[in-house]
N, C-alpha and C. Protein backbone atom coordinates (compact mmCIF):
# COMPACT_ATOMS: atom_id res chain seq x y z
N MET A 1 29.92 58.06 111.97
CA MET A 1 30.63 59.09 111.72
C MET A 1 30.92 59.61 113.07
N GLY A 2 32.44 59.95 113.12
CA GLY A 2 32.85 60.64 114.49
C GLY A 2 32.68 61.96 114.42
N ALA A 3 32.83 62.49 115.85
CA ALA A 3 32.93 63.95 115.81
C ALA A 3 34.07 64.60 115.38
N GLY A 4 34.06 65.79 114.80
CA GLY A 4 35.13 66.50 114.68
C GLY A 4 36.00 66.94 115.76
N PRO A 5 37.24 67.55 115.33
CA PRO A 5 38.06 68.07 116.56
C PRO A 5 37.37 68.99 117.52
N LEU A 6 37.68 69.05 118.77
CA LEU A 6 37.22 69.86 119.50
C LEU A 6 38.08 71.13 119.45
N THR A 7 37.29 72.21 119.53
CA THR A 7 38.23 73.43 119.32
C THR A 7 37.82 74.22 120.53
N THR A 8 38.86 74.96 120.97
CA THR A 8 38.63 75.78 122.23
C THR A 8 38.03 77.36 121.59
N PRO A 9 37.23 77.64 122.24
CA PRO A 9 36.41 79.17 121.60
C PRO A 9 37.47 80.03 121.85
N VAL A 10 37.41 81.05 121.13
CA VAL A 10 38.14 82.25 121.21
C VAL A 10 37.48 83.11 122.12
N THR A 11 38.25 83.72 123.19
CA THR A 11 37.59 84.78 124.10
C THR A 11 38.45 86.07 123.89
N ARG A 12 37.74 87.34 123.72
CA ARG A 12 37.89 88.27 123.44
C ARG A 12 37.79 89.50 124.47
N TYR A 13 38.83 89.62 125.59
CA TYR A 13 38.69 90.75 126.78
C TYR A 13 39.09 91.80 126.06
N LEU A 14 38.49 93.00 127.00
CA LEU A 14 38.84 94.30 127.04
C LEU A 14 39.05 94.59 128.44
N LEU A 15 40.53 94.84 128.34
CA LEU A 15 41.15 95.35 129.64
C LEU A 15 41.39 96.89 129.67
N ALA A 16 40.28 97.59 130.42
CA ALA A 16 40.71 99.17 130.60
C ALA A 16 41.34 99.14 131.75
N THR A 17 42.52 100.05 131.49
CA THR A 17 43.33 100.27 132.73
C THR A 17 44.11 101.91 132.47
N ALA A 18 44.52 102.25 133.44
CA ALA A 18 45.30 103.53 133.15
C ALA A 18 46.74 103.44 134.42
N SER A 19 46.59 102.18 134.89
CA SER A 19 47.93 102.10 135.88
C SER A 19 48.20 100.60 135.91
N VAL A 20 49.60 100.65 136.02
CA VAL A 20 50.27 99.48 136.36
C VAL A 20 49.52 98.57 137.34
N HIS A 21 48.98 99.01 138.52
CA HIS A 21 48.51 98.26 139.54
C HIS A 21 47.22 97.53 138.93
N THR A 22 46.32 98.29 138.17
CA THR A 22 45.19 97.63 137.55
C THR A 22 45.66 96.48 136.75
N THR A 23 46.60 96.81 135.66
CA THR A 23 47.15 95.88 134.89
C THR A 23 47.62 94.79 135.35
N ALA A 24 48.37 94.85 136.51
CA ALA A 24 48.73 93.82 137.29
C ALA A 24 47.93 92.77 137.81
N ALA A 25 46.92 93.22 138.39
CA ALA A 25 45.74 92.62 139.00
C ALA A 25 45.00 91.94 137.73
N ALA A 26 44.77 92.49 136.63
CA ALA A 26 44.15 91.93 135.78
C ALA A 26 44.92 90.65 135.18
N ALA A 27 46.21 91.04 134.97
CA ALA A 27 47.07 89.97 134.50
C ALA A 27 47.09 88.58 135.43
N ASP A 28 47.20 88.74 136.69
CA ASP A 28 46.85 87.53 137.66
C ASP A 28 45.59 87.04 137.56
N TYR A 29 44.55 87.81 137.27
CA TYR A 29 43.24 87.25 136.83
C TYR A 29 43.01 86.39 135.65
N LEU A 30 43.74 87.29 134.52
CA LEU A 30 43.61 86.55 133.07
C LEU A 30 44.41 85.57 132.74
N ALA A 31 45.77 85.66 133.28
CA ALA A 31 46.70 84.78 132.75
C ALA A 31 46.38 83.13 132.72
N PRO A 32 45.77 82.68 133.84
CA PRO A 32 45.50 81.40 134.10
C PRO A 32 44.23 81.16 133.05
N ARG A 33 43.50 81.74 132.49
CA ARG A 33 42.16 81.63 131.85
C ARG A 33 42.73 81.57 130.44
N LEU A 34 43.80 82.22 129.85
CA LEU A 34 44.15 82.78 128.50
C LEU A 34 44.82 81.44 127.97
N ASP A 35 44.25 81.30 126.31
CA ASP A 35 44.97 80.20 125.63
C ASP A 35 45.52 81.18 124.53
N ALA A 36 46.40 80.50 123.67
CA ALA A 36 47.13 80.99 122.52
C ALA A 36 45.77 81.78 121.39
N ASP A 37 44.89 81.21 121.40
CA ASP A 37 43.72 81.54 120.59
C ASP A 37 43.02 82.85 121.10
N ASP A 38 43.05 83.37 122.46
CA ASP A 38 42.49 84.45 122.84
C ASP A 38 43.05 85.86 122.66
N ALA A 39 42.19 86.64 122.64
CA ALA A 39 42.81 88.04 122.62
C ALA A 39 42.16 89.03 123.49
N VAL A 40 43.32 89.91 123.79
CA VAL A 40 43.31 90.88 124.86
C VAL A 40 43.63 92.13 124.25
N LEU A 41 42.37 93.14 124.39
CA LEU A 41 42.54 94.54 123.93
C LEU A 41 42.77 95.33 125.10
N VAL A 42 43.79 95.86 125.32
CA VAL A 42 44.19 96.72 126.39
C VAL A 42 43.91 98.04 126.16
N LEU A 43 43.07 98.77 126.68
CA LEU A 43 42.77 99.99 126.58
C LEU A 43 42.98 101.13 127.70
N THR A 44 44.03 102.11 127.27
CA THR A 44 44.35 102.97 128.39
C THR A 44 43.87 104.13 128.00
N VAL A 45 43.35 104.85 129.11
CA VAL A 45 42.79 106.15 128.90
C VAL A 45 43.22 106.90 130.07
N THR A 46 43.73 108.15 129.31
CA THR A 46 44.35 109.31 130.58
C THR A 46 43.18 110.32 130.26
N ASP A 47 42.98 110.98 131.40
CA ASP A 47 42.18 112.01 131.55
C ASP A 47 42.83 113.38 131.52
N ASP A 48 42.69 113.78 130.39
CA ASP A 48 43.28 115.25 130.37
C ASP A 48 42.85 116.52 131.11
N VAL A 49 41.74 116.35 131.60
CA VAL A 49 40.85 117.29 132.51
C VAL A 49 41.53 117.37 134.02
N ASP A 50 41.63 115.86 134.59
CA ASP A 50 41.66 116.06 136.08
C ASP A 50 43.25 115.68 136.38
N PRO A 51 43.90 116.80 136.75
CA PRO A 51 45.17 116.72 137.07
C PRO A 51 45.76 115.53 138.22
N ALA A 52 44.72 115.04 138.89
CA ALA A 52 44.95 114.06 139.96
C ALA A 52 45.09 112.81 139.33
N GLU A 53 44.49 112.66 138.00
CA GLU A 53 44.51 111.12 137.53
C GLU A 53 45.87 110.54 137.00
N PRO A 54 46.04 109.41 136.78
CA PRO A 54 47.31 109.05 136.32
C PRO A 54 47.71 109.75 134.97
N ASP A 55 48.91 109.76 134.68
CA ASP A 55 49.22 110.57 133.65
C ASP A 55 49.71 109.48 132.34
N ALA A 56 49.95 110.05 131.24
CA ALA A 56 49.84 109.07 130.25
C ALA A 56 51.18 108.24 130.38
N ARG A 57 52.38 108.63 131.13
CA ARG A 57 53.37 107.66 131.31
C ARG A 57 53.17 106.23 131.96
N ASP A 58 52.19 106.62 133.19
CA ASP A 58 51.57 105.44 133.69
C ASP A 58 50.78 104.78 132.85
N ALA A 59 49.93 105.17 132.02
CA ALA A 59 49.25 104.27 131.05
C ALA A 59 50.17 103.65 130.10
N GLY A 60 51.03 104.36 129.60
CA GLY A 60 52.29 103.54 128.66
C GLY A 60 53.00 102.38 129.57
N ASP A 61 53.11 102.56 130.61
CA ASP A 61 53.67 101.29 131.62
C ASP A 61 52.70 100.27 131.66
N ALA A 62 51.45 100.88 132.23
CA ALA A 62 50.25 99.60 132.21
C ALA A 62 50.14 98.66 130.89
N ALA A 63 50.33 99.33 129.63
CA ALA A 63 50.11 98.63 128.50
C ALA A 63 51.44 97.61 128.37
N ASN A 64 52.55 98.19 128.75
CA ASN A 64 53.65 97.37 128.46
C ASN A 64 53.70 96.04 129.41
N VAL A 65 53.03 96.31 130.90
CA VAL A 65 52.84 95.17 131.39
C VAL A 65 51.87 94.15 130.89
N ALA A 66 50.98 94.65 130.37
CA ALA A 66 49.92 93.85 129.59
C ALA A 66 50.64 93.08 128.74
N ARG A 67 51.45 93.55 127.72
CA ARG A 67 52.05 92.93 126.59
C ARG A 67 53.15 91.80 127.09
N SER A 68 53.74 91.81 128.27
CA SER A 68 54.41 91.03 128.75
C SER A 68 53.99 90.01 129.66
N ARG A 69 52.81 90.24 130.23
CA ARG A 69 52.19 89.10 131.13
C ARG A 69 50.95 88.55 130.69
N LEU A 70 50.41 89.01 129.39
CA LEU A 70 49.28 88.18 128.66
C LEU A 70 49.64 87.20 127.80
N LEU A 71 50.73 86.96 127.86
CA LEU A 71 51.17 85.75 126.67
C LEU A 71 50.48 84.44 127.04
N PRO A 72 50.08 83.60 126.72
CA PRO A 72 50.32 83.41 125.17
C PRO A 72 49.15 84.07 124.24
N ALA A 73 48.04 84.78 124.95
CA ALA A 73 47.04 85.33 124.00
C ALA A 73 47.71 86.77 123.23
N SER A 74 46.84 86.97 121.99
CA SER A 74 47.31 88.23 121.51
C SER A 74 46.96 89.24 121.98
N VAL A 75 47.87 90.28 122.07
CA VAL A 75 47.55 91.52 122.99
C VAL A 75 47.66 92.68 121.96
N GLU A 76 46.52 93.45 122.05
CA GLU A 76 46.72 94.80 121.26
C GLU A 76 46.25 96.11 122.04
N THR A 77 47.13 96.82 122.10
CA THR A 77 46.73 98.25 122.76
C THR A 77 46.15 99.25 121.93
N LEU A 78 45.29 100.01 122.97
CA LEU A 78 44.72 101.46 122.28
C LEU A 78 44.87 102.34 123.30
N GLU A 79 45.09 103.86 122.98
CA GLU A 79 45.38 104.54 123.84
C GLU A 79 44.29 105.81 123.47
N ARG A 80 43.62 106.20 124.44
CA ARG A 80 42.54 107.13 124.42
C ARG A 80 42.94 108.58 125.34
N THR A 81 42.40 109.57 125.41
CA THR A 81 42.51 110.64 126.10
C THR A 81 40.91 111.06 126.40
N GLY A 82 40.79 111.35 127.54
CA GLY A 82 38.97 111.65 127.83
C GLY A 82 38.52 111.00 128.98
N ASP A 83 37.31 111.02 129.09
CA ASP A 83 36.49 110.31 129.97
C ASP A 83 36.53 108.73 129.57
N PRO A 84 36.98 108.35 130.88
CA PRO A 84 37.21 106.79 130.76
C PRO A 84 36.05 105.78 130.44
N ALA A 85 35.10 106.11 130.92
CA ALA A 85 33.73 105.31 130.78
C ALA A 85 33.26 105.66 129.36
N ALA A 86 33.26 106.69 129.03
CA ALA A 86 32.75 106.87 127.50
C ALA A 86 34.02 106.32 126.67
N ALA A 87 35.13 106.28 126.69
CA ALA A 87 36.22 105.56 125.82
C ALA A 87 35.87 104.04 125.91
N VAL A 88 35.53 103.44 127.08
CA VAL A 88 35.32 101.91 127.25
C VAL A 88 33.88 101.76 126.27
N ARG A 89 33.11 102.68 126.44
CA ARG A 89 31.68 102.53 125.74
C ARG A 89 31.95 102.48 124.33
N ALA A 90 32.74 103.49 124.01
CA ALA A 90 33.18 103.55 122.42
C ALA A 90 33.66 102.38 121.70
N VAL A 91 34.74 101.95 122.65
CA VAL A 91 35.52 100.30 122.14
C VAL A 91 34.68 99.27 122.29
N LEU A 92 33.62 99.13 123.23
CA LEU A 92 32.79 98.19 123.18
C LEU A 92 32.07 98.25 121.86
N ALA A 93 31.49 99.29 121.63
CA ALA A 93 30.51 99.57 120.29
C ALA A 93 31.20 99.23 118.99
N ASP A 94 32.54 99.39 119.14
CA ASP A 94 33.35 99.42 117.86
C ASP A 94 33.92 97.93 117.69
N ARG A 95 34.13 97.21 118.74
CA ARG A 95 35.03 95.77 118.93
C ARG A 95 34.04 94.73 119.11
N ASP A 96 34.35 93.74 118.74
CA ASP A 96 33.62 92.48 119.17
C ASP A 96 34.45 92.01 120.45
N VAL A 97 33.75 92.18 121.47
CA VAL A 97 34.27 91.75 123.28
C VAL A 97 33.45 90.83 123.77
N ASP A 98 33.91 89.82 124.32
CA ASP A 98 33.22 88.93 125.04
C ASP A 98 33.14 89.36 126.60
N ALA A 99 34.17 89.94 127.23
CA ALA A 99 34.18 90.59 128.65
C ALA A 99 35.09 91.58 128.71
N LEU A 100 34.50 92.49 129.70
CA LEU A 100 35.32 93.70 130.05
C LEU A 100 36.02 93.30 131.58
N VAL A 101 37.37 93.75 131.44
CA VAL A 101 38.03 93.73 132.93
C VAL A 101 38.30 94.96 133.26
N VAL A 102 38.18 95.25 134.50
CA VAL A 102 38.56 96.70 135.08
C VAL A 102 39.07 96.57 136.45
N GLY A 103 39.59 97.47 137.00
CA GLY A 103 40.05 97.66 138.41
C GLY A 103 38.96 98.31 139.02
N PRO A 104 38.78 98.18 140.60
CA PRO A 104 37.95 98.92 141.06
C PRO A 104 38.13 100.55 141.10
N ALA A 105 39.19 100.83 141.07
CA ALA A 105 39.59 102.40 141.07
C ALA A 105 40.75 102.65 140.17
N ARG A 106 40.87 103.99 139.72
CA ARG A 106 42.18 104.22 138.75
C ARG A 106 43.31 104.34 139.61
N GLY A 107 44.40 104.53 139.11
CA GLY A 107 45.57 104.77 139.49
C GLY A 107 46.24 103.89 140.80
N ASP A 108 46.86 104.59 141.91
CA ASP A 108 47.29 103.58 142.84
C ASP A 108 46.27 103.48 144.08
N PRO A 109 46.33 102.30 144.25
CA PRO A 109 45.18 102.15 145.28
C PRO A 109 45.46 102.56 146.52
N GLU A 110 46.61 102.90 146.93
CA GLU A 110 46.97 103.68 148.35
C GLU A 110 46.25 105.13 148.02
N ALA A 111 46.19 105.71 147.18
CA ALA A 111 45.84 106.99 147.06
C ALA A 111 44.33 107.25 146.58
N ARG A 112 43.78 106.34 146.51
CA ARG A 112 42.30 106.57 146.10
C ARG A 112 41.49 106.33 147.38
N GLY A 113 39.92 106.85 147.07
CA GLY A 113 39.03 106.63 148.01
C GLY A 113 38.32 105.07 147.79
N ASP A 114 37.42 104.88 148.60
CA ASP A 114 36.64 103.78 148.70
C ASP A 114 36.27 103.18 147.53
N PRO A 115 36.38 101.89 146.66
CA PRO A 115 35.96 101.74 145.66
C PRO A 115 34.50 101.23 145.66
N PRO A 116 33.79 101.11 144.68
CA PRO A 116 34.06 101.27 143.19
C PRO A 116 34.31 102.68 142.68
N GLY A 117 35.28 102.84 142.08
CA GLY A 117 35.40 104.21 141.38
C GLY A 117 34.41 104.54 140.41
N SER A 118 34.35 106.06 140.01
CA SER A 118 33.30 106.53 138.99
C SER A 118 32.96 105.76 137.76
N THR A 119 34.38 105.36 137.16
CA THR A 119 34.18 104.47 135.94
C THR A 119 33.72 103.27 136.21
N VAL A 120 33.92 102.42 137.02
CA VAL A 120 33.16 101.35 137.34
C VAL A 120 32.01 101.63 137.55
N ARG A 121 31.35 102.64 138.46
CA ARG A 121 30.05 102.84 138.65
C ARG A 121 29.14 103.09 137.46
N ALA A 122 30.05 103.73 136.56
CA ALA A 122 29.43 104.30 135.36
C ALA A 122 29.09 102.99 134.32
N LEU A 123 29.78 102.08 134.51
CA LEU A 123 29.81 101.01 133.50
C LEU A 123 28.98 99.80 134.04
N LEU A 124 29.02 99.55 135.29
CA LEU A 124 28.17 98.22 135.70
C LEU A 124 26.72 98.53 135.16
N GLY A 125 26.15 97.67 134.66
CA GLY A 125 24.72 97.47 134.24
C GLY A 125 24.58 98.39 133.02
N ASP A 126 25.59 99.05 132.51
CA ASP A 126 25.45 99.94 131.39
C ASP A 126 26.04 99.43 130.17
N VAL A 127 26.49 98.17 130.08
CA VAL A 127 27.15 97.66 129.01
C VAL A 127 26.84 96.15 128.93
N ASP A 128 26.72 95.74 127.57
CA ASP A 128 26.19 94.50 127.18
C ASP A 128 26.87 93.18 127.29
N VAL A 129 28.17 93.57 127.86
CA VAL A 129 29.17 92.28 128.21
C VAL A 129 29.16 92.14 129.93
N PRO A 130 29.92 90.84 130.11
CA PRO A 130 30.16 90.61 131.51
C PRO A 130 31.35 91.78 132.04
N VAL A 131 31.07 92.20 133.24
CA VAL A 131 32.04 93.01 133.63
C VAL A 131 32.81 92.23 134.79
N VAL A 132 33.93 92.13 134.87
CA VAL A 132 34.89 91.61 135.94
C VAL A 132 35.75 92.83 136.45
N VAL A 133 35.49 92.98 137.88
CA VAL A 133 36.18 93.86 138.56
C VAL A 133 37.28 93.19 139.48
N VAL A 134 38.33 93.27 138.99
CA VAL A 134 39.64 92.60 139.75
C VAL A 134 40.10 93.32 140.70
N PRO A 135 40.37 92.82 141.93
CA PRO A 135 40.74 93.32 143.40
C PRO A 135 42.00 93.56 143.00
N LEU A 136 42.37 94.89 143.76
CA LEU A 136 44.05 95.22 143.80
C LEU A 136 44.35 94.88 145.16
N ASP A 137 45.56 94.25 145.46
CA ASP A 137 45.92 94.10 146.88
C ASP A 137 46.80 95.30 147.06
N VAL A 138 46.49 95.52 148.36
CA VAL A 138 47.17 97.05 148.73
C VAL A 138 48.24 96.38 149.89
């Protein structure tokens, strides 16, 4: 009796982003790894407390970049406001995710301090899935 057909396992990624820069870097990382059966959940989080953080417009642009650059995978977007690390933890608790993809810092890489940013520091070692921190080309 022969073996059944080989199937490619579905991988579910959570891409947490608030900027086009992070989304583009994540797309560069993910695109060659994605199959049509994979799923990418794009979480955009805007910080309504800190006016120095990227605004909702940049988060919306980031979601659009993901939808156009992460094909052939299915792409779903979620928008949240508040603390980014808390929003990521809430989505991870609510959804079945295999890997978390984040940038080293929020926003424009030229306007930020040294990575990793506070969200990455808050998540590393505190979530139950592998975390990929994609580099941003400056």
